[in-house]
Amino acid sequence: MPSLSAVAIVLTGGLGLGVVAGGAIAFAPMPVRTSVQWLAETALAVPTLVTALVLSALLGAGVLTVTAALLVTSWAPYALTIAALFDRIRSETYWDASQVLGATLITSVRRHILPNVCSALGALAGADAGRAVILVSSLGFIGLSADTGRPEWGAMIHEYRMFLFTEPRLVLAPVLACIFVTVLLHVMLDRGES
């Protein structure tokens, strides 16, 4: 299903880009740090729907366009969250102790930072997965990701909306499936926090 594949691409790509950008914000030289932070704050300020509309005007409507629009805007919250977590952990005494003992940056990040940020990233990814499902379905509803040869929740809701009162199951089935998957993804990804 296009919605789920777009969500998987957005989560893996957004998380990967966010980790790299968050590391750059936390550890890179000052010009790179400020540039990446400005880019992340700008990407966070641009609405995903507007990005999808611009990209669909340039590239044409489709699942790849929606995925690209979601990917362009999804990495920024991860980057800023990771940078803030990195800065908080670097102010802890165990970080200073590892530096005094001669641990390399990579070893210190692997031992101290990554275990401490995984639960926060799981919670953020859970919320982002639900947001991505809803956004992909919404963009499909307005026709940006509709592929007539493949089922997509938003496109099905749009197509069968005129039968809401005569055959409500046609509309309610994709709505309930979208809600179920949103909750399931959120619970599965957020479980790493506890």
Protein backbone atom coordinates (compact mmCIF):
# COMPACT_ATOMS: atom_id res chain seq x y z
CA MET A 1 0.00 0.00 0.00
CA PRO A 2 1.46 3.39 -0.96
CA SER A 3 0.61 5.00 2.38
CA LEU A 4 2.61 2.49 4.40
CA SER A 5 5.58 2.45 2.04
CA ALA A 6 5.69 6.26 2.10
CA VAL A 7 5.55 6.20 5.91
CA ALA A 8 8.39 3.65 6.08
CA ILE A 9 10.55 5.74 3.76
CA VAL A 10 9.76 8.93 5.66
CA LEU A 11 10.55 7.37 9.05
CA THR A 12 13.84 5.78 8.02
CA GLY A 13 14.96 8.69 5.86
CA GLY A 14 13.82 11.38 8.28
CA LEU A 15 15.39 9.62 11.24
CA GLY A 16 18.65 9.02 9.38
CA LEU A 17 18.90 12.60 8.14
CA GLY A 18 17.86 13.89 11.56
CA VAL A 19 20.56 11.92 13.39
CA VAL A 20 23.25 13.14 10.99
CA ALA A 21 22.02 16.74 11.11
CA GLY A 22 21.64 16.63 14.91
CA GLY A 23 25.19 15.35 15.20
CA ALA A 24 26.36 18.16 12.94
CA ILE A 25 24.52 20.73 15.05
CA ALA A 26 26.07 19.35 18.23
CA PHE A 27 29.63 18.51 17.15
CA ALA A 28 30.51 20.32 13.91
CA PRO A 29 32.49 23.57 13.67
CA MET A 30 30.46 26.71 14.31
CA PRO A 31 29.75 27.72 10.66
CA VAL A 32 28.44 24.23 9.83
CA ARG A 33 26.53 24.09 13.11
CA THR A 34 24.71 27.36 12.55
CA SER A 35 23.98 26.55 8.90
CA VAL A 36 22.47 23.14 9.67
CA GLN A 37 20.49 24.54 12.60
CA TRP A 38 19.11 27.35 10.42
CA LEU A 39 18.18 24.81 7.73
CA ALA A 40 16.43 22.58 10.31
CA GLU A 41 14.49 25.50 11.79
CA THR A 42 13.48 26.63 8.29
CA ALA A 43 12.34 23.11 7.32
CA LEU A 44 10.36 22.94 10.55
CA ALA A 45 8.61 26.22 9.78
CA VAL A 46 7.48 25.22 6.28
CA PRO A 47 4.13 23.38 6.31
CA THR A 48 4.20 19.91 4.78
CA LEU A 49 1.07 20.54 2.75
CA VAL A 50 2.60 23.62 1.12
CA THR A 51 5.77 21.67 0.35
CA ALA A 52 3.70 18.87 -1.19
CA LEU A 53 1.75 21.34 -3.33
CA VAL A 54 4.93 22.99 -4.60
CA LEU A 55 6.62 19.67 -5.33
CA SER A 56 3.53 18.31 -7.09
CA ALA A 57 3.44 21.42 -9.26
CA LEU A 58 7.09 20.88 -10.16
CA LEU A 59 7.23 17.07 -10.35
CA GLY A 60 3.62 16.02 -10.83
CA ALA A 61 1.31 14.30 -8.38
CA GLY A 62 2.22 10.87 -7.11
CA VAL A 63 3.39 8.82 -4.19
CA LEU A 64 7.03 9.78 -4.78
CA THR A 65 6.15 13.47 -4.66
CA VAL A 66 4.29 13.04 -1.37
CA THR A 67 7.15 10.98 0.05
CA ALA A 68 9.67 13.64 -0.99
CA ALA A 69 7.53 16.38 0.58
CA LEU A 70 7.25 14.46 3.83
CA LEU A 71 10.96 13.67 3.83
CA VAL A 72 11.90 17.31 3.24
CA THR A 73 9.98 18.37 6.34
CA SER A 74 10.29 15.31 8.61
CA TRP A 75 14.03 15.34 9.43
CA ALA A 76 14.03 18.71 11.18
CA PRO A 77 12.32 17.72 14.47
CA TYR A 78 14.70 14.77 14.81
CA ALA A 79 17.73 16.98 14.18
CA LEU A 80 16.76 19.63 16.71
CA THR A 81 15.74 17.05 19.33
CA ILE A 82 18.94 15.08 18.90
CA ALA A 83 21.08 18.23 19.05
CA ALA A 84 19.37 19.27 22.30
CA LEU A 85 19.83 15.79 23.78
CA PHE A 86 23.49 15.73 22.70
CA ASP A 87 24.08 19.10 24.35
CA ARG A 88 22.37 17.96 27.56
CA ILE A 89 24.40 14.75 27.72
CA ARG A 90 27.65 16.58 26.98
CA SER A 91 27.07 18.66 30.13
CA GLU A 92 26.91 15.54 32.32
CA THR A 93 29.87 14.49 34.45
CA TYR A 94 30.14 11.02 32.89
CA TRP A 95 30.72 12.65 29.50
CA ASP A 96 33.52 14.75 30.95
CA ALA A 97 34.97 11.67 32.66
CA SER A 98 35.03 9.73 29.39
CA GLN A 99 36.83 12.61 27.70
CA VAL A 100 39.39 12.85 30.51
CA LEU A 101 40.00 9.10 30.31
CA GLY A 102 40.89 9.53 26.63
CA ALA A 103 37.84 8.01 24.95
CA THR A 104 37.44 9.04 21.32
CA LEU A 105 34.40 11.00 20.22
CA ILE A 106 32.96 7.99 18.40
CA THR A 107 33.40 5.74 21.45
CA SER A 108 31.84 8.33 23.75
CA VAL A 109 28.89 8.82 21.41
CA ARG A 110 28.36 5.05 21.11
CA ARG A 111 28.60 4.41 24.87
CA HIS A 112 26.94 7.48 26.35
CA ILE A 113 24.83 9.36 23.84
CA LEU A 114 23.13 6.71 21.71
CA PRO A 115 21.73 4.65 24.63
CA ASN A 116 20.34 7.84 26.17
CA VAL A 117 18.64 9.15 23.02
CA CYS A 118 17.06 5.91 21.74
CA SER A 119 13.98 6.11 23.97
CA ALA A 120 13.34 9.75 23.07
CA LEU A 121 13.78 8.94 19.38
CA GLY A 122 11.31 6.05 19.71
CA ALA A 123 8.69 8.35 21.19
CA LEU A 124 9.29 10.97 18.51
CA ALA A 125 9.20 8.35 15.74
CA GLY A 126 5.93 6.99 17.11
CA ALA A 127 4.31 10.40 16.94
CA ASP A 128 5.87 11.05 13.54
CA ALA A 129 4.60 7.74 12.15
CA GLY A 130 1.06 8.66 13.03
CA ARG A 131 1.51 12.12 11.56
CA ALA A 132 2.93 10.64 8.37
CA VAL A 133 0.01 8.22 7.94
CA ILE A 134 -2.49 11.05 8.37
CA LEU A 135 -0.57 13.39 6.03
CA VAL A 136 -0.18 10.76 3.28
CA SER A 137 -3.88 9.94 3.53
CA SER A 138 -4.81 13.63 3.53
CA LEU A 139 -2.68 14.31 0.48
CA GLY A 140 -4.24 11.28 -1.21
CA PHE A 141 -7.67 12.67 -0.38
CA ILE A 142 -6.95 15.90 -2.26
CA GLY A 143 -5.47 13.95 -5.16
CA LEU A 144 -1.73 14.47 -4.77
CA SER A 145 -0.79 10.85 -4.18
CA ALA A 146 -3.66 9.11 -5.90
CA ASP A 147 -2.57 6.28 -8.13
CA THR A 148 -5.67 4.78 -9.69
CA GLY A 149 -4.00 1.39 -10.05
CA ARG A 150 -3.16 1.00 -6.34
CA PRO A 151 -5.32 1.31 -3.24
CA GLU A 152 -4.61 4.31 -1.02
CA TRP A 153 -6.66 5.29 2.03
CA GLY A 154 -7.10 8.97 1.27
CA ALA A 155 -8.00 8.32 -2.37
CA MET A 156 -10.53 5.65 -1.34
CA ILE A 157 -12.15 8.01 1.14
CA HIS A 158 -12.35 10.70 -1.55
CA GLU A 159 -13.73 8.29 -4.14
CA TYR A 160 -16.45 6.84 -1.91
CA ARG A 161 -17.41 9.97 0.04
CA MET A 162 -20.64 10.31 -1.96
CA PHE A 163 -21.79 6.93 -0.59
CA LEU A 164 -21.32 7.92 3.05
CA PHE A 165 -25.03 7.74 3.87
CA THR A 166 -26.10 4.92 1.55
CA GLU A 167 -23.08 2.58 1.94
CA PRO A 168 -21.06 3.89 4.91
CA ARG A 169 -18.78 0.83 5.01
CA LEU A 170 -17.10 2.03 1.80
CA VAL A 171 -15.88 5.17 3.55
CA LEU A 172 -15.56 3.86 7.09
CA ALA A 173 -13.32 0.90 6.18
CA PRO A 174 -10.37 3.03 4.96
CA VAL A 175 -10.94 5.57 7.75
CA LEU A 176 -10.86 2.87 10.43
CA ALA A 177 -7.86 1.18 8.79
CA CYS A 178 -5.98 4.49 8.78
CA ILE A 179 -6.83 5.12 12.43
CA PHE A 180 -5.88 1.57 13.42
CA VAL A 181 -2.49 1.72 11.68
CA THR A 182 -1.79 5.17 13.11
CA VAL A 183 -2.43 3.98 16.66
CA LEU A 184 -0.55 0.71 16.09
CA LEU A 185 2.55 2.48 14.74
CA HIS A 186 2.49 4.97 17.58
CA VAL A 187 2.23 2.24 20.22
CA MET A 188 4.89 0.04 18.62
CA LEU A 189 7.44 2.81 18.20
CA ASP A 190 6.66 4.48 21.52
CA ARG A 191 7.07 1.20 23.40
CA GLY A 192 10.86 1.65 23.28
CA GLU A 193 10.50 4.60 25.67
CA SER A 194 9.21 2.53 28.58
